[in-house]
Amino acid sequence: MKQSHKITIGVIVVVAAIGFLFISGFGGNTGYQKTITEILTEGPQLEGRYLLVEGSLVPGTLKWDGQKIELSFAVTDGQSKMPVVYNDVAPDNMDNPEAQIILKGKYNANSGTFLADKVETRCPSKYEALEEEQAIKEQTIEKQ
C-alpha cells in the first residue's frame, strides 16, 4: 500500500471519529424547551422526549426521602403547577423563594410527573448583590 493511501485512510478515520464524538456529545443535551403549562397541555405528545423547563418552587412542597435518595417537589410558571421527582440531592439555593429552578428530564403523562435528570437553580443577581453589599458594610464597620 502506498504511503499516500495510508495517510488518506488515517485522515478519514480521524475525521469519522471526530464526527462521531461531536454528534454523540450533543445528542443527550438536546431537547425541547417548554413551559409548565405547555407540558401539562401537550402531555402525551411530549412523553419520552427530553425537555427543558423553568419555573419556581411551590412553597411547602419540597420533600426529601433519604431511603430512596429522592427529592420531590412542585414547580409553577405562575399559571400551572407540576410535580417533579429527582433522584439526587437538592442543589444550592433550592429553597430560596427568589430562585428559578431549571429542570432537564422527561415528562410521564400517565402519572403527570416530571422525572428530572438534572435540577439547577438560578438566583437573581439582586440576591447575590445584596450579599456582596452586606459583606462590604461589615468590612467597613470592622475597620472603624
N, C-alpha and C. Protein backbone atom coordinates (compact mmCIF):
# COMPACT_ATOMS: atom_id res chain seq x y z
N MET A 1 0.85 -1.18 0.00
CA MET A 1 0.00 0.00 0.00
C MET A 1 0.90 1.25 0.00
N LYS A 2 0.54 2.20 -0.81
CA LYS A 2 1.32 3.43 -0.93
C LYS A 2 1.18 4.29 0.33
N GLN A 3 2.18 5.09 0.58
CA GLN A 3 2.19 5.99 1.73
C GLN A 3 1.01 6.96 1.67
N SER A 4 0.67 7.46 0.49
CA SER A 4 -0.43 8.41 0.35
C SER A 4 -1.78 7.77 0.70
N HIS A 5 -1.95 6.46 0.37
CA HIS A 5 -3.19 5.76 0.71
C HIS A 5 -3.31 5.60 2.22
N LYS A 6 -2.21 5.31 2.88
CA LYS A 6 -2.22 5.17 4.34
C LYS A 6 -2.60 6.49 5.00
N ILE A 7 -2.04 7.57 4.51
CA ILE A 7 -2.36 8.88 5.07
C ILE A 7 -3.83 9.22 4.84
N THR A 8 -4.33 8.95 3.66
CA THR A 8 -5.74 9.21 3.34
C THR A 8 -6.65 8.40 4.25
N ILE A 9 -6.37 7.14 4.45
CA ILE A 9 -7.19 6.29 5.32
C ILE A 9 -7.12 6.81 6.76
N GLY A 10 -5.92 7.20 7.19
CA GLY A 10 -5.76 7.74 8.54
C GLY A 10 -6.58 9.00 8.75
N VAL A 11 -6.57 9.90 7.77
CA VAL A 11 -7.33 11.15 7.86
C VAL A 11 -8.83 10.84 7.90
N ILE A 12 -9.29 9.91 7.10
CA ILE A 12 -10.72 9.54 7.08
C ILE A 12 -11.14 8.97 8.43
N VAL A 13 -10.31 8.12 9.01
CA VAL A 13 -10.63 7.54 10.32
C VAL A 13 -10.71 8.63 11.39
N VAL A 14 -9.76 9.54 11.39
CA VAL A 14 -9.75 10.62 12.37
C VAL A 14 -10.97 11.52 12.20
N VAL A 15 -11.30 11.91 10.99
CA VAL A 15 -12.47 12.76 10.73
C VAL A 15 -13.75 12.04 11.14
N ALA A 16 -13.86 10.75 10.85
CA ALA A 16 -15.04 9.98 11.24
C ALA A 16 -15.16 9.91 12.76
N ALA A 17 -14.05 9.70 13.45
CA ALA A 17 -14.07 9.64 14.91
C ALA A 17 -14.49 10.97 15.51
N ILE A 18 -13.95 12.06 14.99
CA ILE A 18 -14.32 13.39 15.49
C ILE A 18 -15.80 13.66 15.22
N GLY A 19 -16.29 13.31 14.05
CA GLY A 19 -17.70 13.48 13.73
C GLY A 19 -18.59 12.68 14.66
N PHE A 20 -18.21 11.44 14.94
CA PHE A 20 -18.98 10.60 15.85
C PHE A 20 -19.03 11.21 17.25
N LEU A 21 -17.88 11.65 17.75
CA LEU A 21 -17.84 12.27 19.08
C LEU A 21 -18.66 13.56 19.13
N PHE A 22 -18.60 14.33 18.08
CA PHE A 22 -19.35 15.57 18.01
C PHE A 22 -20.85 15.30 18.07
N ILE A 23 -21.32 14.38 17.26
CA ILE A 23 -22.75 14.06 17.21
C ILE A 23 -23.22 13.41 18.50
N SER A 24 -22.48 12.45 19.01
CA SER A 24 -22.91 11.76 20.23
C SER A 24 -22.82 12.66 21.45
N GLY A 25 -21.92 13.61 21.44
CA GLY A 25 -21.78 14.53 22.57
C GLY A 25 -22.95 15.46 22.74
N PHE A 26 -23.56 15.85 21.65
CA PHE A 26 -24.69 16.77 21.72
C PHE A 26 -26.03 16.05 21.80
N GLY A 27 -26.07 14.78 21.51
CA GLY A 27 -27.33 14.04 21.47
C GLY A 27 -28.10 14.05 22.77
N GLY A 28 -27.42 13.87 23.91
CA GLY A 28 -28.11 13.81 25.19
C GLY A 28 -28.51 15.16 25.73
N ASN A 29 -27.95 16.22 25.20
CA ASN A 29 -28.23 17.54 25.72
C ASN A 29 -29.27 18.30 24.92
N THR A 30 -29.74 17.73 23.86
CA THR A 30 -30.74 18.42 23.06
C THR A 30 -32.12 18.08 23.57
N GLY A 31 -33.02 19.01 23.46
CA GLY A 31 -34.38 18.77 23.90
C GLY A 31 -35.25 19.96 23.57
N TYR A 32 -36.49 19.84 23.99
CA TYR A 32 -37.47 20.88 23.74
C TYR A 32 -37.59 21.75 24.98
N GLN A 33 -37.58 23.06 24.80
CA GLN A 33 -37.80 23.97 25.91
C GLN A 33 -39.28 24.30 25.93
N LYS A 34 -39.93 23.96 27.03
CA LYS A 34 -41.37 24.16 27.17
C LYS A 34 -41.67 24.82 28.50
N THR A 35 -42.83 25.47 28.57
CA THR A 35 -43.31 25.99 29.84
C THR A 35 -44.06 24.87 30.56
N ILE A 36 -44.29 25.06 31.82
CA ILE A 36 -45.03 24.05 32.59
C ILE A 36 -46.44 23.90 32.02
N THR A 37 -47.07 25.00 31.69
CA THR A 37 -48.42 24.96 31.12
C THR A 37 -48.43 24.18 29.81
N GLU A 38 -47.43 24.40 28.95
CA GLU A 38 -47.35 23.67 27.68
C GLU A 38 -47.17 22.17 27.91
N ILE A 39 -46.34 21.81 28.88
CA ILE A 39 -46.13 20.39 29.16
C ILE A 39 -47.42 19.73 29.62
N LEU A 40 -48.13 20.38 30.52
CA LEU A 40 -49.37 19.80 31.03
C LEU A 40 -50.45 19.74 29.94
N THR A 41 -50.45 20.71 29.04
CA THR A 41 -51.44 20.74 27.95
C THR A 41 -51.12 19.69 26.88
N GLU A 42 -49.85 19.59 26.50
CA GLU A 42 -49.45 18.68 25.43
C GLU A 42 -49.11 17.28 25.93
N GLY A 43 -49.11 17.06 27.23
CA GLY A 43 -48.77 15.83 27.91
C GLY A 43 -48.34 14.62 27.11
N PRO A 44 -49.28 13.82 26.59
CA PRO A 44 -48.93 12.58 25.90
C PRO A 44 -48.05 12.77 24.67
N GLN A 45 -48.16 13.91 24.01
CA GLN A 45 -47.34 14.16 22.82
C GLN A 45 -45.87 14.36 23.17
N LEU A 46 -45.61 14.77 24.43
CA LEU A 46 -44.23 15.04 24.86
C LEU A 46 -43.60 13.86 25.59
N GLU A 47 -44.36 12.83 25.84
CA GLU A 47 -43.85 11.69 26.60
C GLU A 47 -42.64 11.06 25.89
N GLY A 48 -41.59 10.82 26.67
CA GLY A 48 -40.38 10.21 26.13
C GLY A 48 -39.40 11.19 25.52
N ARG A 49 -39.79 12.43 25.36
CA ARG A 49 -38.89 13.45 24.79
C ARG A 49 -38.13 14.14 25.91
N TYR A 50 -36.88 14.47 25.62
CA TYR A 50 -36.07 15.17 26.61
C TYR A 50 -36.50 16.64 26.62
N LEU A 51 -36.82 17.16 27.79
CA LEU A 51 -37.38 18.51 27.92
C LEU A 51 -36.54 19.38 28.85
N LEU A 52 -36.61 20.67 28.60
CA LEU A 52 -36.01 21.68 29.46
C LEU A 52 -37.15 22.59 29.89
N VAL A 53 -37.30 22.77 31.18
CA VAL A 53 -38.39 23.59 31.70
C VAL A 53 -37.87 24.42 32.87
N GLU A 54 -38.45 25.59 33.03
CA GLU A 54 -38.03 26.50 34.09
C GLU A 54 -39.25 26.98 34.85
N GLY A 55 -39.10 27.08 36.17
CA GLY A 55 -40.21 27.55 36.99
C GLY A 55 -39.74 27.90 38.38
N SER A 56 -40.69 28.16 39.26
CA SER A 56 -40.40 28.49 40.65
C SER A 56 -40.91 27.38 41.55
N LEU A 57 -40.24 27.18 42.68
CA LEU A 57 -40.66 26.18 43.64
C LEU A 57 -41.98 26.58 44.27
N VAL A 58 -42.91 25.64 44.34
CA VAL A 58 -44.16 25.89 45.05
C VAL A 58 -43.85 25.72 46.54
N PRO A 59 -44.05 26.76 47.35
CA PRO A 59 -43.70 26.69 48.77
C PRO A 59 -44.40 25.52 49.48
N GLY A 60 -43.65 24.85 50.35
CA GLY A 60 -44.20 23.76 51.15
C GLY A 60 -44.23 22.40 50.46
N THR A 61 -43.71 22.32 49.24
CA THR A 61 -43.78 21.04 48.51
C THR A 61 -42.46 20.27 48.49
N LEU A 62 -41.39 20.86 49.00
CA LEU A 62 -40.06 20.24 48.96
C LEU A 62 -39.99 19.11 50.00
N LYS A 63 -39.80 17.87 49.51
CA LYS A 63 -39.74 16.71 50.40
C LYS A 63 -38.55 15.84 50.01
N TRP A 64 -37.80 15.38 51.02
CA TRP A 64 -36.61 14.55 50.81
C TRP A 64 -36.84 13.18 51.42
N ASP A 65 -36.62 12.12 50.66
CA ASP A 65 -36.69 10.75 51.15
C ASP A 65 -35.28 10.17 51.09
N GLY A 66 -34.62 10.11 52.24
CA GLY A 66 -33.24 9.62 52.31
C GLY A 66 -33.12 8.14 52.00
N GLN A 67 -34.17 7.37 52.23
CA GLN A 67 -34.14 5.93 51.94
C GLN A 67 -34.03 5.68 50.43
N LYS A 68 -34.79 6.43 49.67
CA LYS A 68 -34.81 6.27 48.20
C LYS A 68 -33.83 7.20 47.49
N ILE A 69 -33.25 8.14 48.24
CA ILE A 69 -32.47 9.24 47.67
C ILE A 69 -33.32 9.92 46.60
N GLU A 70 -34.46 10.41 47.05
CA GLU A 70 -35.44 11.01 46.14
C GLU A 70 -35.91 12.35 46.67
N LEU A 71 -35.83 13.33 45.82
CA LEU A 71 -36.31 14.68 46.12
C LEU A 71 -37.58 14.89 45.32
N SER A 72 -38.65 15.26 45.99
CA SER A 72 -39.89 15.55 45.27
C SER A 72 -40.35 16.96 45.65
N PHE A 73 -40.93 17.63 44.67
CA PHE A 73 -41.39 19.00 44.86
C PHE A 73 -42.30 19.36 43.70
N ALA A 74 -42.87 20.53 43.76
CA ALA A 74 -43.70 21.02 42.66
C ALA A 74 -43.15 22.36 42.19
N VAL A 75 -43.28 22.60 40.89
CA VAL A 75 -42.85 23.87 40.31
C VAL A 75 -44.05 24.53 39.63
N THR A 76 -43.95 25.84 39.49
CA THR A 76 -45.02 26.59 38.84
C THR A 76 -44.44 27.62 37.90
N ASP A 77 -45.20 27.92 36.85
CA ASP A 77 -44.82 29.01 35.94
C ASP A 77 -45.73 30.21 36.15
N GLY A 78 -46.47 30.19 37.25
CA GLY A 78 -47.40 31.27 37.54
C GLY A 78 -48.82 30.95 37.11
N GLN A 79 -48.98 29.95 36.24
CA GLN A 79 -50.31 29.54 35.78
C GLN A 79 -50.64 28.12 36.21
N SER A 80 -49.67 27.22 36.07
CA SER A 80 -49.89 25.81 36.35
C SER A 80 -48.83 25.28 37.29
N LYS A 81 -49.17 24.19 37.98
CA LYS A 81 -48.23 23.52 38.88
C LYS A 81 -47.96 22.12 38.35
N MET A 82 -46.72 21.66 38.50
CA MET A 82 -46.35 20.32 38.03
C MET A 82 -45.47 19.65 39.09
N PRO A 83 -45.83 18.41 39.49
CA PRO A 83 -44.97 17.68 40.42
C PRO A 83 -43.70 17.19 39.74
N VAL A 84 -42.60 17.16 40.50
CA VAL A 84 -41.29 16.76 39.99
C VAL A 84 -40.68 15.73 40.92
N VAL A 85 -40.02 14.73 40.34
CA VAL A 85 -39.25 13.75 41.11
C VAL A 85 -37.82 13.78 40.59
N TYR A 86 -36.87 13.85 41.53
CA TYR A 86 -35.45 13.93 41.20
C TYR A 86 -34.69 12.98 42.11
N ASN A 87 -33.95 12.05 41.55
CA ASN A 87 -33.22 11.07 42.35
C ASN A 87 -31.78 11.50 42.61
N ASP A 88 -31.66 12.57 43.36
CA ASP A 88 -30.36 13.10 43.76
C ASP A 88 -30.62 14.14 44.84
N VAL A 89 -29.56 14.76 45.35
CA VAL A 89 -29.71 15.77 46.39
C VAL A 89 -30.09 17.12 45.77
N ALA A 90 -30.68 17.95 46.60
CA ALA A 90 -31.13 19.27 46.14
C ALA A 90 -29.94 20.18 45.85
N PRO A 91 -30.02 20.96 44.78
CA PRO A 91 -28.95 21.92 44.50
C PRO A 91 -29.00 23.08 45.49
N ASP A 92 -27.91 23.84 45.54
CA ASP A 92 -27.85 25.01 46.42
C ASP A 92 -28.97 25.99 46.08
N ASN A 93 -29.44 26.68 47.08
CA ASN A 93 -30.46 27.74 46.95
C ASN A 93 -31.80 27.21 46.46
N MET A 94 -32.03 25.93 46.55
CA MET A 94 -33.29 25.36 46.09
C MET A 94 -34.48 25.94 46.87
N ASP A 95 -34.27 26.19 48.16
CA ASP A 95 -35.37 26.69 49.00
C ASP A 95 -35.49 28.22 49.00
N ASN A 96 -34.64 28.89 48.22
CA ASN A 96 -34.73 30.35 48.12
C ASN A 96 -35.96 30.71 47.29
N PRO A 97 -36.89 31.49 47.86
CA PRO A 97 -38.12 31.81 47.12
C PRO A 97 -37.89 32.62 45.84
N GLU A 98 -36.74 33.27 45.74
CA GLU A 98 -36.42 34.06 44.55
C GLU A 98 -35.79 33.23 43.43
N ALA A 99 -35.35 32.02 43.75
CA ALA A 99 -34.60 31.20 42.80
C ALA A 99 -35.51 30.65 41.69
N GLN A 100 -34.97 30.64 40.50
CA GLN A 100 -35.62 29.97 39.37
C GLN A 100 -35.05 28.56 39.30
N ILE A 101 -35.91 27.58 39.10
CA ILE A 101 -35.47 26.19 39.03
C ILE A 101 -35.48 25.75 37.57
N ILE A 102 -34.36 25.21 37.13
CA ILE A 102 -34.21 24.74 35.75
C ILE A 102 -34.18 23.22 35.79
N LEU A 103 -35.10 22.59 35.07
CA LEU A 103 -35.24 21.14 35.06
C LEU A 103 -34.92 20.58 33.69
N LYS A 104 -34.21 19.47 33.68
CA LYS A 104 -33.97 18.73 32.44
C LYS A 104 -34.38 17.29 32.71
N GLY A 105 -35.18 16.73 31.82
CA GLY A 105 -35.64 15.37 32.02
C GLY A 105 -36.80 15.04 31.11
N LYS A 106 -37.65 14.10 31.56
CA LYS A 106 -38.78 13.64 30.75
C LYS A 106 -40.07 13.72 31.55
N TYR A 107 -41.15 13.92 30.83
CA TYR A 107 -42.47 14.01 31.44
C TYR A 107 -43.17 12.67 31.33
N ASN A 108 -43.74 12.21 32.44
CA ASN A 108 -44.53 10.98 32.45
C ASN A 108 -46.00 11.39 32.44
N ALA A 109 -46.65 11.25 31.29
CA ALA A 109 -48.04 11.69 31.14
C ALA A 109 -49.00 10.85 31.98
N ASN A 110 -48.69 9.58 32.21
CA ASN A 110 -49.58 8.71 32.99
C ASN A 110 -49.70 9.19 34.43
N SER A 111 -48.56 9.55 35.04
CA SER A 111 -48.59 9.99 36.43
C SER A 111 -48.68 11.51 36.55
N GLY A 112 -48.44 12.21 35.42
CA GLY A 112 -48.46 13.68 35.45
C GLY A 112 -47.26 14.26 36.16
N THR A 113 -46.16 13.49 36.22
CA THR A 113 -44.97 13.89 36.96
C THR A 113 -43.80 14.10 36.01
N PHE A 114 -43.00 15.11 36.30
CA PHE A 114 -41.77 15.35 35.55
C PHE A 114 -40.65 14.60 36.24
N LEU A 115 -39.97 13.73 35.51
CA LEU A 115 -38.86 12.95 36.04
C LEU A 115 -37.56 13.64 35.65
N ALA A 116 -36.98 14.36 36.58
CA ALA A 116 -35.81 15.20 36.30
C ALA A 116 -34.51 14.39 36.34
N ASP A 117 -33.69 14.57 35.32
CA ASP A 117 -32.33 14.02 35.31
C ASP A 117 -31.37 15.02 35.93
N LYS A 118 -31.70 16.30 35.80
CA LYS A 118 -30.83 17.36 36.30
C LYS A 118 -31.69 18.51 36.81
N VAL A 119 -31.32 19.03 37.96
CA VAL A 119 -32.01 20.18 38.55
C VAL A 119 -30.95 21.22 38.88
N GLU A 120 -31.16 22.43 38.41
CA GLU A 120 -30.25 23.54 38.68
C GLU A 120 -31.07 24.71 39.18
N THR A 121 -30.41 25.61 39.90
CA THR A 121 -31.09 26.83 40.33
C THR A 121 -30.36 28.04 39.78
N ARG A 122 -31.13 29.07 39.55
CA ARG A 122 -30.58 30.34 39.10
C ARG A 122 -31.17 31.40 40.02
N CYS A 123 -30.29 32.04 40.77
CA CYS A 123 -30.75 33.09 41.67
C CYS A 123 -30.64 34.43 40.98
N PRO A 124 -31.56 35.32 41.27
CA PRO A 124 -31.48 36.65 40.66
C PRO A 124 -30.22 37.37 41.13
N SER A 125 -29.69 38.22 40.27
CA SER A 125 -28.46 38.93 40.60
C SER A 125 -28.64 39.86 41.79
N LYS A 126 -29.85 40.32 42.03
CA LYS A 126 -30.05 41.21 43.18
C LYS A 126 -29.82 40.47 44.48
N TYR A 127 -30.10 39.16 44.51
CA TYR A 127 -29.85 38.35 45.70
C TYR A 127 -28.35 38.30 45.97
N GLU A 128 -27.56 38.05 44.92
CA GLU A 128 -26.11 37.99 45.05
C GLU A 128 -25.54 39.37 45.39
N ALA A 129 -26.09 40.42 44.81
CA ALA A 129 -25.62 41.77 45.08
C ALA A 129 -25.87 42.16 46.53
N LEU A 130 -26.98 41.73 47.10
CA LEU A 130 -27.27 42.04 48.49
C LEU A 130 -26.25 41.40 49.41
N GLU A 131 -25.84 40.17 49.12
CA GLU A 131 -24.82 39.51 49.93
C GLU A 131 -23.50 40.27 49.86
N GLU A 132 -23.10 40.69 48.66
CA GLU A 132 -21.86 41.44 48.49
C GLU A 132 -21.93 42.77 49.22
N GLU A 133 -23.06 43.45 49.11
CA GLU A 133 -23.23 44.74 49.76
C GLU A 133 -23.14 44.59 51.27
N GLN A 134 -23.74 43.54 51.82
CA GLN A 134 -23.69 43.28 53.26
C GLN A 134 -22.26 43.00 53.70
N ALA A 135 -21.50 42.23 52.93
CA ALA A 135 -20.10 41.92 53.27
C ALA A 135 -19.25 43.18 53.27
N ILE A 136 -19.47 44.08 52.32
CA ILE A 136 -18.72 45.34 52.25
C ILE A 136 -19.04 46.21 53.48
N LYS A 137 -20.32 46.26 53.86
CA LYS A 137 -20.71 47.05 55.04
C LYS A 137 -20.05 46.50 56.30
N GLU A 138 -20.00 45.17 56.43
CA GLU A 138 -19.39 44.55 57.59
C GLU A 138 -17.89 44.86 57.65
N GLN A 139 -17.21 44.84 56.49
CA GLN A 139 -15.79 45.16 56.46
C GLN A 139 -15.56 46.62 56.83
N THR A 140 -16.42 47.51 56.38
CA THR A 140 -16.29 48.92 56.68
C THR A 140 -16.47 49.16 58.18
N ILE A 141 -17.42 48.50 58.79
CA ILE A 141 -17.69 48.66 60.22
C ILE A 141 -16.49 48.14 61.01
N GLU A 142 -15.91 47.02 60.60
CA GLU A 142 -14.76 46.44 61.31
C GLU A 142 -13.55 47.37 61.27
N LYS A 143 -13.35 48.08 60.16
CA LYS A 143 -12.21 48.97 60.02
C LYS A 143 -12.33 50.22 60.88
N GLN A 144 -13.54 50.61 61.23
CA GLN A 144 -13.76 51.84 62.01
C GLN A 144 -13.49 51.60 63.42
